[in-house]
Amino acid sequence: MGDFSKDINSTFPNYKVKAMLNIIYTANWINSYQNAFFKPFKISSQQYNILRILKGAGQALKVQTIKERMVERSPNATRLMDKLCAKELIERIPCPSDRRVVHIKITTKGLHLLEDIAKAERKDLLKNLTEAEASQLSDLLDKMR
């Protein structure tokens, strides 16, 4: 089993400091993997999250609703959607009764991309954890927040 303190060649004043730094280190490790995984699909993990939200909703959603449902909240969510729109993976639907409101819908091309991503071989980042350990980890992260 790995020890993150050896990876960064450091010691810590207590386990709370070590845990906090390990969370940050692990989050960056996961983020690097995600970036590499999505690169061939020419989207980011945040853009993938938007597509998954829209697919799961099964209907067009307001931009604000998408922002609220994002795993990784992004102040540039509108820009992310602009890029998805330019790639024809989503479409904007103006609200007829309120021009300030825009709904976003996933396109057939976006659905096909999600299918391709689902077929791609993905490394199991939690392979060293049992179901019970994964549950415990999730509970501890919830407790921390």
Foldseek 3Di string as FASTA:
>chain_A
DDDVCVVVVHDDPDVVVVVVVVVVVVVVVVLVQQQVLCVVVVAHVQLVQLLVVQVVVVDWAWLVVSQVPGPDRDPCSVVSVVVCVVVVQKDWDADPVDRVIITIHGDPVVVVSVVVSVPDDDDDPCVVDDPVRVVVVVVVVVVVD
